[in-house]
Amino acid sequence: MIAQLSVYPIGEGTSLGRFVKKGVAVIERSGYTYEIGGMSTTVEVPDLNALFDLVKEIHAAHVAEGARRVVIDLKVDDRRDKKATIESKRASVKNT
């Protein structure tokens, strides 16, 4: 399963790097494969439970950093016919 997520606090100013770093640290500790993009992070997880646990941990990291309001944008690709990875999705675009 591949998920794309953006988690950001509202009302914390224009520079949110310290919050992003906390969220990325959570993903790094999880051991999941991930890729940071310009406006979101893509992560490979085994299932929805793992994804939601990860999102909850990232949310908690933002709150611990001082966020009083957090917005989470989440997009999930749950492909059932074959294993999909970040790399396989990238390769499918390059090979067409």
PDB file of N, CA and C in Angstrom:
ATOM      1  N   MET A   1       0.848  -1.162   0.000  1.00  0.00           N
ATOM      2  CA  MET A   1       0.000   0.000   0.000  1.00  0.00           C
ATOM      3  C   MET A   1       0.898   1.231   0.000  1.00  0.00           C
ATOM      4  N   ILE A   2       0.516   2.186  -0.806  1.00  0.00           N
ATOM      5  CA  ILE A   2       1.267   3.437  -0.892  1.00  0.00           C
ATOM      6  C   ILE A   2       0.352   4.572  -0.433  1.00  0.00           C
ATOM      7  N   ALA A   3       0.915   5.462   0.356  1.00  0.00           N
ATOM      8  CA  ALA A   3       0.135   6.608   0.827  1.00  0.00           C
ATOM      9  C   ALA A   3       0.942   7.879   0.625  1.00  0.00           C
ATOM     10  N   GLN A   4       0.234   8.928   0.313  1.00  0.00           N
ATOM     11  CA  GLN A   4       0.832  10.255   0.204  1.00  0.00           C
ATOM     12  C   GLN A   4       0.219  11.097   1.302  1.00  0.00           C
ATOM     13  N   LEU A   5       1.057  11.739   2.110  1.00  0.00           N
ATOM     14  CA  LEU A   5       0.480  12.546   3.159  1.00  0.00           C
ATOM     15  C   LEU A   5       1.195  13.868   3.336  1.00  0.00           C
ATOM     16  N   SER A   6       0.394  14.834   3.735  1.00  0.00           N
ATOM     17  CA  SER A   6       0.877  16.154   4.119  1.00  0.00           C
ATOM     18  C   SER A   6       0.243  16.450   5.472  1.00  0.00           C
ATOM     19  N   VAL A   7       1.079  16.768   6.425  1.00  0.00           N
ATOM     20  CA  VAL A   7       0.601  17.088   7.770  1.00  0.00           C
ATOM     21  C   VAL A   7       1.195  18.435   8.127  1.00  0.00           C
ATOM     22  N   TYR A   8       0.326  19.372   8.468  1.00  0.00           N
ATOM     23  CA  TYR A   8       0.859  20.690   8.791  1.00  0.00           C
ATOM     24  C   TYR A   8      -0.015  21.379   9.821  1.00  0.00           C
ATOM     25  N   PRO A   9       0.626  22.164  10.662  1.00  0.00           N
ATOM     26  CA  PRO A   9      -0.107  22.914  11.676  1.00  0.00           C
ATOM     27  C   PRO A   9      -0.656  24.207  11.097  1.00  0.00           C
ATOM     28  N   ILE A  10      -1.741  24.645  11.637  1.00  0.00           N
ATOM     29  CA  ILE A  10      -2.353  25.914  11.248  1.00  0.00           C
ATOM     30  C   ILE A  10      -2.024  26.954  12.326  1.00  0.00           C
ATOM     31  N   GLY A  11      -1.707  28.155  11.887  1.00  0.00           N
ATOM     32  CA  GLY A  11      -1.471  29.247  12.827  1.00  0.00           C
ATOM     33  C   GLY A  11      -0.091  29.239  13.446  1.00  0.00           C
ATOM     34  N   GLU A  12       0.868  28.551  12.812  1.00  0.00           N
ATOM     35  CA  GLU A  12       2.211  28.453  13.371  1.00  0.00           C
ATOM     36  C   GLU A  12       3.234  29.264  12.579  1.00  0.00           C
ATOM     37  N   GLY A  13       2.764  30.182  11.747  1.00  0.00           N
ATOM     38  CA  GLY A  13       3.678  31.010  10.969  1.00  0.00           C
ATOM     39  C   GLY A  13       3.903  30.447   9.580  1.00  0.00           C
ATOM     40  N   THR A  14       4.846  31.029   8.862  1.00  0.00           N
ATOM     41  CA  THR A  14       5.078  30.630   7.480  1.00  0.00           C
ATOM     42  C   THR A  14       6.145  29.556   7.334  1.00  0.00           C
ATOM     43  N   SER A  15       7.023  29.408   8.285  1.00  0.00           N
ATOM     44  CA  SER A  15       8.070  28.393   8.221  1.00  0.00           C
ATOM     45  C   SER A  15       7.677  27.199   9.087  1.00  0.00           C
ATOM     46  N   LEU A  16       7.428  26.074   8.441  1.00  0.00           N
ATOM     47  CA  LEU A  16       6.945  24.890   9.159  1.00  0.00           C
ATOM     48  C   LEU A  16       7.972  23.762   9.197  1.00  0.00           C
ATOM     49  N   GLY A  17       9.199  24.075   8.818  1.00  0.00           N
ATOM     50  CA  GLY A  17      10.240  23.049   8.726  1.00  0.00           C
ATOM     51  C   GLY A  17      10.435  22.235   9.991  1.00  0.00           C
ATOM     52  N   ARG A  18      10.333  22.877  11.140  1.00  0.00           N
ATOM     53  CA  ARG A  18      10.555  22.122  12.381  1.00  0.00           C
ATOM     54  C   ARG A  18       9.490  21.057  12.580  1.00  0.00           C
ATOM     55  N   PHE A  19       8.269  21.322  12.131  1.00  0.00           N
ATOM     56  CA  PHE A  19       7.201  20.330  12.225  1.00  0.00           C
ATOM     57  C   PHE A  19       7.423  19.202  11.223  1.00  0.00           C
ATOM     58  N   VAL A  20       7.801  19.566  10.014  1.00  0.00           N
ATOM     59  CA  VAL A  20       8.063  18.556   8.983  1.00  0.00           C
ATOM     60  C   VAL A  20       9.172  17.618   9.444  1.00  0.00           C
ATOM     61  N   LYS A  21      10.225  18.164  10.017  1.00  0.00           N
ATOM     62  CA  LYS A  21      11.338  17.340  10.505  1.00  0.00           C
ATOM     63  C   LYS A  21      10.865  16.342  11.547  1.00  0.00           C
ATOM     64  N   LYS A  22       9.973  16.753  12.419  1.00  0.00           N
ATOM     65  CA  LYS A  22       9.451  15.833  13.445  1.00  0.00           C
ATOM     66  C   LYS A  22       8.658  14.705  12.797  1.00  0.00           C
ATOM     67  N   GLY A  23       7.841  15.043  11.795  1.00  0.00           N
ATOM     68  CA  GLY A  23       7.068  14.017  11.101  1.00  0.00           C
ATOM     69  C   GLY A  23       7.946  13.044  10.342  1.00  0.00           C
ATOM     70  N   VAL A  24       8.958  13.568   9.658  1.00  0.00           N
ATOM     71  CA  VAL A  24       9.885  12.706   8.914  1.00  0.00           C
ATOM     72  C   VAL A  24      10.654  11.798   9.874  1.00  0.00           C
ATOM     73  N   ALA A  25      11.013  12.310  11.032  1.00  0.00           N
ATOM     74  CA  ALA A  25      11.714  11.478  12.019  1.00  0.00           C
ATOM     75  C   ALA A  25      10.858  10.281  12.436  1.00  0.00           C
ATOM     76  N   VAL A  26       9.558  10.494  12.569  1.00  0.00           N
ATOM     77  CA  VAL A  26       8.642   9.393  12.907  1.00  0.00           C
ATOM     78  C   VAL A  26       8.668   8.343  11.796  1.00  0.00           C
ATOM     79  N   ILE A  27       8.611   8.794  10.555  1.00  0.00           N
ATOM     80  CA  ILE A  27       8.624   7.860   9.425  1.00  0.00           C
ATOM     81  C   ILE A  27       9.951   7.114   9.374  1.00  0.00           C
ATOM     82  N   GLU A  28      11.052   7.816   9.586  1.00  0.00           N
ATOM     83  CA  GLU A  28      12.366   7.160   9.579  1.00  0.00           C
ATOM     84  C   GLU A  28      12.437   6.068  10.636  1.00  0.00           C
ATOM     85  N   ARG A  29      11.956   6.354  11.832  1.00  0.00           N
ATOM     86  CA  ARG A  29      11.977   5.351  12.913  1.00  0.00           C
ATOM     87  C   ARG A  29      11.108   4.143  12.587  1.00  0.00           C
ATOM     88  N   SER A  30      10.072   4.350  11.771  1.00  0.00           N
ATOM     89  CA  SER A  30       9.166   3.244  11.439  1.00  0.00           C
ATOM     90  C   SER A  30       9.851   2.191  10.572  1.00  0.00           C
ATOM     91  N   GLY A  31      10.857   2.613   9.818  1.00  0.00           N
ATOM     92  CA  GLY A  31      11.538   1.692   8.922  1.00  0.00           C
ATOM     93  C   GLY A  31      10.857   1.537   7.568  1.00  0.00           C
ATOM     94  N   TYR A  32       9.737   2.202   7.348  1.00  0.00           N
ATOM     95  CA  TYR A  32       9.043   2.120   6.071  1.00  0.00           C
ATOM     96  C   TYR A  32       9.815   2.880   4.992  1.00  0.00           C
ATOM     97  N   THR A  33       9.686   2.421   3.773  1.00  0.00           N
ATOM     98  CA  THR A  33      10.265   3.124   2.639  1.00  0.00           C
ATOM     99  C   THR A  33       9.452   4.395   2.409  1.00  0.00           C
ATOM    100  N   TYR A  34      10.144   5.511   2.196  1.00  0.00           N
ATOM    101  CA  TYR A  34       9.430   6.765   1.983  1.00  0.00           C
ATOM    102  C   TYR A  34      10.228   7.659   1.058  1.00  0.00           C
ATOM    103  N   GLU A  35       9.546   8.673   0.569  1.00  0.00           N
ATOM    104  CA  GLU A  35      10.164   9.668  -0.302  1.00  0.00           C
ATOM    105  C   GLU A  35       9.553  11.020   0.022  1.00  0.00           C
ATOM    106  N   ILE A  36      10.403  11.986   0.261  1.00  0.00           N
ATOM    107  CA  ILE A  36       9.938  13.339   0.553  1.00  0.00           C
ATOM    108  C   ILE A  36       9.821  14.107  -0.753  1.00  0.00           C
ATOM    109  N   GLY A  37       8.660  14.717  -0.976  1.00  0.00           N
ATOM    110  CA  GLY A  37       8.439  15.560  -2.145  1.00  0.00           C
ATOM    111  C   GLY A  37       8.394  17.013  -1.722  1.00  0.00           C
ATOM    112  N   GLY A  38       8.155  17.865  -2.664  1.00  0.00           N
ATOM    113  CA  GLY A  38       8.117  19.294  -2.389  1.00  0.00           C
ATOM    114  C   GLY A  38       6.957  19.715  -1.508  1.00  0.00           C
ATOM    115  N   MET A  39       5.834  18.962  -1.569  1.00  0.00           N
ATOM    116  CA  MET A  39       4.662  19.354  -0.799  1.00  0.00           C
ATOM    117  C   MET A  39       4.004  18.207  -0.049  1.00  0.00           C
ATOM    118  N   SER A  40       4.599  17.015  -0.149  1.00  0.00           N
ATOM    119  CA  SER A  40       4.038  15.870   0.567  1.00  0.00           C
ATOM    120  C   SER A  40       5.109  14.796   0.696  1.00  0.00           C
ATOM    121  N   THR A  41       4.796  13.779   1.456  1.00  0.00           N
ATOM    122  CA  THR A  41       5.684  12.634   1.622  1.00  0.00           C
ATOM    123  C   THR A  41       4.913  11.384   1.210  1.00  0.00           C
ATOM    124  N   THR A  42       5.578  10.514   0.466  1.00  0.00           N
ATOM    125  CA  THR A  42       4.990   9.254   0.050  1.00  0.00           C
ATOM    126  C   THR A  42       5.636   8.147   0.870  1.00  0.00           C
ATOM    127  N   VAL A  43       4.828   7.216   1.339  1.00  0.00           N
ATOM    128  CA  VAL A  43       5.337   6.143   2.177  1.00  0.00           C
ATOM    129  C   VAL A  43       4.696   4.821   1.779  1.00  0.00           C
ATOM    130  N   GLU A  44       5.474   3.748   1.844  1.00  0.00           N
ATOM    131  CA  GLU A  44       4.963   2.399   1.608  1.00  0.00           C
ATOM    132  C   GLU A  44       4.700   1.752   2.963  1.00  0.00           C
ATOM    133  N   VAL A  45       3.495   1.255   3.138  1.00  0.00           N
ATOM    134  CA  VAL A  45       3.114   0.596   4.394  1.00  0.00           C
ATOM    135  C   VAL A  45       2.422  -0.724   4.070  1.00  0.00           C
ATOM    136  N   PRO A  46       2.414  -1.661   5.014  1.00  0.00           N
ATOM    137  CA  PRO A  46       1.810  -2.958   4.717  1.00  0.00           C
ATOM    138  C   PRO A  46       0.284  -2.950   4.643  1.00  0.00           C
ATOM    139  N   ASP A  47      -0.372  -2.069   5.414  1.00  0.00           N
ATOM    140  CA  ASP A  47      -1.833  -2.083   5.447  1.00  0.00           C
ATOM    141  C   ASP A  47      -2.359  -0.797   6.087  1.00  0.00           C
ATOM    142  N   LEU A  48      -3.684  -0.668   6.108  1.00  0.00           N
ATOM    143  CA  LEU A  48      -4.301   0.542   6.662  1.00  0.00           C
ATOM    144  C   LEU A  48      -4.009   0.735   8.140  1.00  0.00           C
ATOM    145  N   ASN A  49      -3.996  -0.352   8.904  1.00  0.00           N
ATOM    146  CA  ASN A  49      -3.705  -0.210  10.333  1.00  0.00           C
ATOM    147  C   ASN A  49      -2.331   0.401  10.551  1.00  0.00           C
ATOM    148  N   ALA A  50      -1.346  -0.082   9.799  1.00  0.00           N
ATOM    149  CA  ALA A  50       0.008   0.466   9.921  1.00  0.00           C
ATOM    150  C   ALA A  50       0.021   1.933   9.502  1.00  0.00           C
ATOM    151  N   LEU A  51      -0.696   2.256   8.440  1.00  0.00           N
ATOM    152  CA  LEU A  51      -0.753   3.637   7.975  1.00  0.00           C
ATOM    153  C   LEU A  51      -1.378   4.543   9.025  1.00  0.00           C
ATOM    154  N   PHE A  52      -2.519   4.138   9.549  1.00  0.00           N
ATOM    155  CA  PHE A  52      -3.187   4.985  10.534  1.00  0.00           C
ATOM    156  C   PHE A  52      -2.369   5.117  11.814  1.00  0.00           C
ATOM    157  N   ASP A  53      -1.676   4.053  12.215  1.00  0.00           N
ATOM    158  CA  ASP A  53      -0.781   4.150  13.377  1.00  0.00           C
ATOM    159  C   ASP A  53       0.328   5.169  13.108  1.00  0.00           C
ATOM    160  N   LEU A  54       0.887   5.127  11.902  1.00  0.00           N
ATOM    161  CA  LEU A  54       1.941   6.065  11.531  1.00  0.00           C
ATOM    162  C   LEU A  54       1.416   7.503  11.522  1.00  0.00           C
ATOM    163  N   VAL A  55       0.243   7.712  10.936  1.00  0.00           N
ATOM    164  CA  VAL A  55      -0.349   9.053  10.890  1.00  0.00           C
ATOM    165  C   VAL A  55      -0.622   9.560  12.308  1.00  0.00           C
ATOM    166  N   LYS A  56      -1.096   8.685  13.179  1.00  0.00           N
ATOM    167  CA  LYS A  56      -1.332   9.095  14.572  1.00  0.00           C
ATOM    168  C   LYS A  56      -0.036   9.512  15.252  1.00  0.00           C
ATOM    169  N   GLU A  57       1.050   8.789  14.980  1.00  0.00           N
ATOM    170  CA  GLU A  57       2.340   9.147  15.575  1.00  0.00           C
ATOM    171  C   GLU A  57       2.852  10.483  15.039  1.00  0.00           C
ATOM    172  N   ILE A  58       2.677  10.711  13.755  1.00  0.00           N
ATOM    173  CA  ILE A  58       3.103  11.986  13.167  1.00  0.00           C
ATOM    174  C   ILE A  58       2.277  13.129  13.753  1.00  0.00           C
ATOM    175  N   HIS A  59       0.981  12.915  13.865  1.00  0.00           N
ATOM    176  CA  HIS A  59       0.103  13.918  14.481  1.00  0.00           C
ATOM    177  C   HIS A  59       0.576  14.230  15.902  1.00  0.00           C
ATOM    178  N   ALA A  60       0.861  13.202  16.678  1.00  0.00           N
ATOM    179  CA  ALA A  60       1.322  13.389  18.061  1.00  0.00           C
ATOM    180  C   ALA A  60       2.639  14.161  18.098  1.00  0.00           C
ATOM    181  N   ALA A  61       3.517  13.926  17.132  1.00  0.00           N
ATOM    182  CA  ALA A  61       4.795  14.644  17.084  1.00  0.00           C
ATOM    183  C   ALA A  61       4.567  16.133  16.822  1.00  0.00           C
ATOM    184  N   HIS A  62       3.603  16.463  15.975  1.00  0.00           N
ATOM    185  CA  HIS A  62       3.279  17.866  15.718  1.00  0.00           C
ATOM    186  C   HIS A  62       2.703  18.523  16.971  1.00  0.00           C
ATOM    187  N   VAL A  63       1.825  17.819  17.639  1.00  0.00           N
ATOM    188  CA  VAL A  63       1.232  18.359  18.868  1.00  0.00           C
ATOM    189  C   VAL A  63       2.314  18.551  19.933  1.00  0.00           C
ATOM    190  N   ALA A  64       3.217  17.583  20.056  1.00  0.00           N
ATOM    191  CA  ALA A  64       4.303  17.698  21.030  1.00  0.00           C
ATOM    192  C   ALA A  64       5.225  18.872  20.705  1.00  0.00           C
ATOM    193  N   GLU A  65       5.311  19.217  19.425  1.00  0.00           N
ATOM    194  CA  GLU A  65       6.141  20.349  18.991  1.00  0.00           C
ATOM    195  C   GLU A  65       5.438  21.683  19.240  1.00  0.00           C
ATOM    196  N   GLY A  66       4.160  21.630  19.653  1.00  0.00           N
ATOM    197  CA  GLY A  66       3.447  22.850  20.007  1.00  0.00           C
ATOM    198  C   GLY A  66       2.276  23.212  19.121  1.00  0.00           C
ATOM    199  N   ALA A  67       1.980  22.388  18.122  1.00  0.00           N
ATOM    200  CA  ALA A  67       0.855  22.696  17.236  1.00  0.00           C
ATOM    201  C   ALA A  67      -0.454  22.634  18.016  1.00  0.00           C
ATOM    202  N   ARG A  68      -1.292  23.627  17.799  1.00  0.00           N
ATOM    203  CA  ARG A  68      -2.597  23.648  18.454  1.00  0.00           C
ATOM    204  C   ARG A  68      -3.714  23.274  17.500  1.00  0.00           C
ATOM    205  N   ARG A  69      -3.402  23.234  16.198  1.00  0.00           N
ATOM    206  CA  ARG A  69      -4.351  22.801  15.188  1.00  0.00           C
ATOM    207  C   ARG A  69      -3.555  22.128  14.077  1.00  0.00           C
ATOM    208  N   VAL A  70      -3.967  20.930  13.682  1.00  0.00           N
ATOM    209  CA  VAL A  70      -3.218  20.154  12.693  1.00  0.00           C
ATOM    210  C   VAL A  70      -4.161  19.719  11.569  1.00  0.00           C
ATOM    211  N   VAL A  71      -3.732  19.932  10.333  1.00  0.00           N
ATOM    212  CA  VAL A  71      -4.476  19.483   9.163  1.00  0.00           C
ATOM    213  C   VAL A  71      -3.700  18.331   8.536  1.00  0.00           C
ATOM    214  N   ILE A  72      -4.410  17.261   8.175  1.00  0.00           N
ATOM    215  CA  ILE A  72      -3.791  16.099   7.560  1.00  0.00           C
ATOM    216  C   ILE A  72      -4.480  15.828   6.228  1.00  0.00           C
ATOM    217  N   ASP A  73      -3.696  15.859   5.148  1.00  0.00           N
ATOM    218  CA  ASP A  73      -4.176  15.449   3.826  1.00  0.00           C
ATOM    219  C   ASP A  73      -3.599  14.072   3.567  1.00  0.00           C
ATOM    220  N   LEU A  74      -4.460  13.107   3.258  1.00  0.00           N
ATOM    221  CA  LEU A  74      -4.016  11.727   3.088  1.00  0.00           C
ATOM    222  C   LEU A  74      -4.629  11.143   1.820  1.00  0.00           C
ATOM    223  N   LYS A  75      -3.780  10.569   0.997  1.00  0.00           N
ATOM    224  CA  LYS A  75      -4.227   9.888  -0.216  1.00  0.00           C
ATOM    225  C   LYS A  75      -3.658   8.469  -0.158  1.00  0.00           C
ATOM    226  N   VAL A  76      -4.511   7.465  -0.398  1.00  0.00           N
ATOM    227  CA  VAL A  76      -4.107   6.066  -0.265  1.00  0.00           C
ATOM    228  C   VAL A  76      -4.323   5.327  -1.577  1.00  0.00           C
ATOM    229  N   ASP A  77      -3.304   4.572  -1.994  1.00  0.00           N
ATOM    230  CA  ASP A  77      -3.400   3.696  -3.156  1.00  0.00           C
ATOM    231  C   ASP A  77      -3.287   2.264  -2.648  1.00  0.00           C
ATOM    232  N   ASP A  78      -4.424   1.597  -2.555  1.00  0.00           N
ATOM    233  CA  ASP A  78      -4.490   0.222  -2.049  1.00  0.00           C
ATOM    234  C   ASP A  78      -4.674  -0.718  -3.239  1.00  0.00           C
ATOM    235  N   ARG A  79      -3.605  -0.987  -3.929  1.00  0.00           N
ATOM    236  CA  ARG A  79      -3.662  -1.826  -5.130  1.00  0.00           C
ATOM    237  C   ARG A  79      -3.704  -3.291  -4.718  1.00  0.00           C
ATOM    238  N   ARG A  80      -4.707  -4.021  -5.196  1.00  0.00           N
ATOM    239  CA  ARG A  80      -4.897  -5.408  -4.798  1.00  0.00           C
ATOM    240  C   ARG A  80      -4.459  -6.422  -5.848  1.00  0.00           C
ATOM    241  N   ASP A  81      -4.284  -5.995  -7.110  1.00  0.00           N
ATOM    242  CA  ASP A  81      -3.969  -6.960  -8.163  1.00  0.00           C
ATOM    243  C   ASP A  81      -2.481  -7.282  -8.259  1.00  0.00           C
ATOM    244  N   LYS A  82      -1.615  -6.411  -7.728  1.00  0.00           N
ATOM    245  CA  LYS A  82      -0.188  -6.691  -7.690  1.00  0.00           C
ATOM    246  C   LYS A  82       0.467  -5.755  -6.687  1.00  0.00           C
ATOM    247  N   LYS A  83       1.689  -6.114  -6.279  1.00  0.00           N
ATOM    248  CA  LYS A  83       2.399  -5.292  -5.308  1.00  0.00           C
ATOM    249  C   LYS A  83       2.836  -3.996  -5.974  1.00  0.00           C
ATOM    250  N   ALA A  84       2.514  -2.906  -5.362  1.00  0.00           N
ATOM    251  CA  ALA A  84       2.908  -1.596  -5.870  1.00  0.00           C
ATOM    252  C   ALA A  84       3.870  -0.950  -4.879  1.00  0.00           C
ATOM    253  N   THR A  85       4.887  -0.327  -5.413  1.00  0.00           N
ATOM    254  CA  THR A  85       5.850   0.405  -4.597  1.00  0.00           C
ATOM    255  C   THR A  85       6.033   1.794  -5.197  1.00  0.00           C
ATOM    256  N   ILE A  86       6.707   2.636  -4.471  1.00  0.00           N
ATOM    257  CA  ILE A  86       7.007   3.961  -4.998  1.00  0.00           C
ATOM    258  C   ILE A  86       7.803   3.810  -6.294  1.00  0.00           C
ATOM    259  N   GLU A  87       8.778   2.928  -6.272  1.00  0.00           N
ATOM    260  CA  GLU A  87       9.624   2.726  -7.450  1.00  0.00           C
ATOM    261  C   GLU A  87       8.845   2.146  -8.624  1.00  0.00           C
ATOM    262  N   SER A  88       7.937   1.195  -8.358  1.00  0.00           N
ATOM    263  CA  SER A  88       7.176   0.610  -9.469  1.00  0.00           C
ATOM    264  C   SER A  88       6.246   1.638 -10.104  1.00  0.00           C
ATOM    265  N   LYS A  89       5.700   2.542  -9.308  1.00  0.00           N
ATOM    266  CA  LYS A  89       4.842   3.594  -9.864  1.00  0.00           C
ATOM    267  C   LYS A  89       5.671   4.543 -10.733  1.00  0.00           C
ATOM    268  N   ARG A  90       6.881   4.885 -10.258  1.00  0.00           N
ATOM    269  CA  ARG A  90       7.757   5.756 -11.032  1.00  0.00           C
ATOM    270  C   ARG A  90       8.167   5.064 -12.344  1.00  0.00           C
ATOM    271  N   ALA A  91       8.519   3.793 -12.246  1.00  0.00           N
ATOM    272  CA  ALA A  91       8.951   3.048 -13.431  1.00  0.00           C
ATOM    273  C   ALA A  91       7.840   2.915 -14.459  1.00  0.00           C
ATOM    274  N   SER A  92       6.601   2.757 -14.023  1.00  0.00           N
ATOM    275  CA  SER A  92       5.498   2.616 -14.968  1.00  0.00           C
ATOM    276  C   SER A  92       5.297   3.868 -15.801  1.00  0.00           C
ATOM    277  N   VAL A  93       5.606   5.002 -15.264  1.00  0.00           N
ATOM    278  CA  VAL A  93       5.500   6.251 -16.010  1.00  0.00           C
ATOM    279  C   VAL A  93       6.667   6.392 -16.971  1.00  0.00           C
ATOM    280  N   LYS A  94       7.842   5.999 -16.558  1.00  0.00           N
ATOM    281  CA  LYS A  94       9.030   6.113 -17.397  1.00  0.00           C
ATOM    282  C   LYS A  94       9.003   5.117 -18.553  1.00  0.00           C
ATOM    283  N   ASN A  95       8.332   3.971 -18.364  1.00  0.00           N
ATOM    284  CA  ASN A  95       8.333   2.907 -19.371  1.00  0.00           C
ATOM    285  C   ASN A  95       7.207   3.040 -20.387  1.00  0.00           C
ATOM    286  N   THR A  96       6.356   4.043 -20.284  1.00  0.00           N
ATOM    287  CA  THR A  96       5.267   4.181 -21.250  1.00  0.00           C
ATOM    288  C   THR A  96       5.562   5.190 -22.298  1.00  0.00           C
TER     289      THR A  96
END
